[in-house]
Amino acid sequence: MRTLKGEHSMKNQRHPLNGERSLCVLGGGQLGAMLCEAAKRMGYFAICISTDETDPAARWADLHIKGDPSDPHLVRSVAENAAAITVEAESIAPAALGHDHFRGMISPGVEAQRIVQDRRLEKTFLAEHGLAVGPFRLAETLEDLTTAAEDMLQTSPKIVVKTARGGYDGRGQVWIDSPEKAASAWQALGQVPLVAEAAVDFTAEISVIVARNNRGEKCVFPVLQNEHRRGILFQTQIPAPQPLEVIRSAQELAIETADALAIVGLLTVEMFVLQDGRVWINELAARPHNSGHVTMRATSRSQFEMHVCALMDLPLSPVGLITPGVMTNLLGDLWVDGNPDFQSVLTHSMASIHLYGKSPRPGRKMGHMIHVAATLGEAKAAADRAYASLGGK
């Protein structure tokens, strides 16, 4: 990996780039790292723009450019030597990438990114397109939130109030069960625009990943089932242990959503499975997703490979399940007494460990394990034993 600094380092430089064989990733996290790794295996030259050369994606890229991935001038200088540009996370400002010069290069597109970065736009988009979503209200002021709470709490025992932007992994949200608590929620969340959502009586949380290319061709992954702890994804199982009717409904809903957004690349649709078997959309991510890490070993192609295929206009062949699998997130809490001893994990012949090389802190995603086995039950039991051996609770 080579690191250059900003736009000025791009000018008058000779790079081993071929516009048809280069993919640029904006952002330096672990999703970008695994995307760069997949692109390189598939014969592409991986470029990463991020603020720190120690970022996970910076270490995996063929070429790292140190700078602001939201800087349109820097991105434009790189775009001249790339076939496609993709966004690693929702932190990239869509306005910075809306110039006509990038049209058709940024995947997913600027409009899709604008929608999924703002829960107000996202919920409204889903409702206006007839895509199943739970009851919600928008709140721009404390008065809006108080009114929303008064109305929604008549039919729901509690509501969750979320910041319109940011606030992933359990952050940026507060539960309230009376209108009188609206003021404290408004203060706790920073007096910013909010979305209030009714509590959903669900039996499971699932996610569906769809790959879609410029021609509207699509491929849908097997449905994933997720378990969250403290608002952060803990484990993902594949295939989701759900009835066939639920699986079909979830995949159809995800495909409809990808089409409505005209996604190029990946769309991950997080959903609730209701008591009666219906599925409702919870949130969207127009990129690879934490729950999709299990596809690195359990399916015929990983989510990262399919993202590259969609971006580079390669065939979107059906993705099949090779073996049941379980992905377990490893958070920084496991590092509180020093580096965990991963030898116990590797005693299981069907286990793998993926560490991101980040500095540990509580709640931070440091890596993940994947366990595969002949049955989902066996994979789950092995994953739980391994997690306990690391001191996880």
Foldseek 3Di string as FASTA:
>chain_A
DEEAEFDVRLPPDDDPFAALQEEEEEDQAPQLLVLLQLSVVVPGQYEYEEQDCLGLNNVNHPYYYHDHSQALSRVLSCNVRYNAYEYSFLPHQLVSQPDPSCVPRYFPHSVLSVQQQFQVSVVVLCVVLVQFAADKFKDAALVRQLVVLVVQLVPAQKKKKAARGDQAQLGRIDIDRHSVCSVVSCVVNPVGIIMIGGDAAFDFKKKKKKAAAQVGDIEIDAIKTFDGDSRHTFKIKPNDPDDPVLRVQRRVSQSSVCVSSVGQFMKMWMWGQHPVRHIHTDHMTSGDDPNQPLCVPFKPDGSSNSRVCRSSVHDPDYIGTPFIKMKGFDALVLCPVHDFDQPVLVVPVQKDWAASSDDHDGPHGGTMMMGTDRDRVVNVVSRVVSCVSSVHD
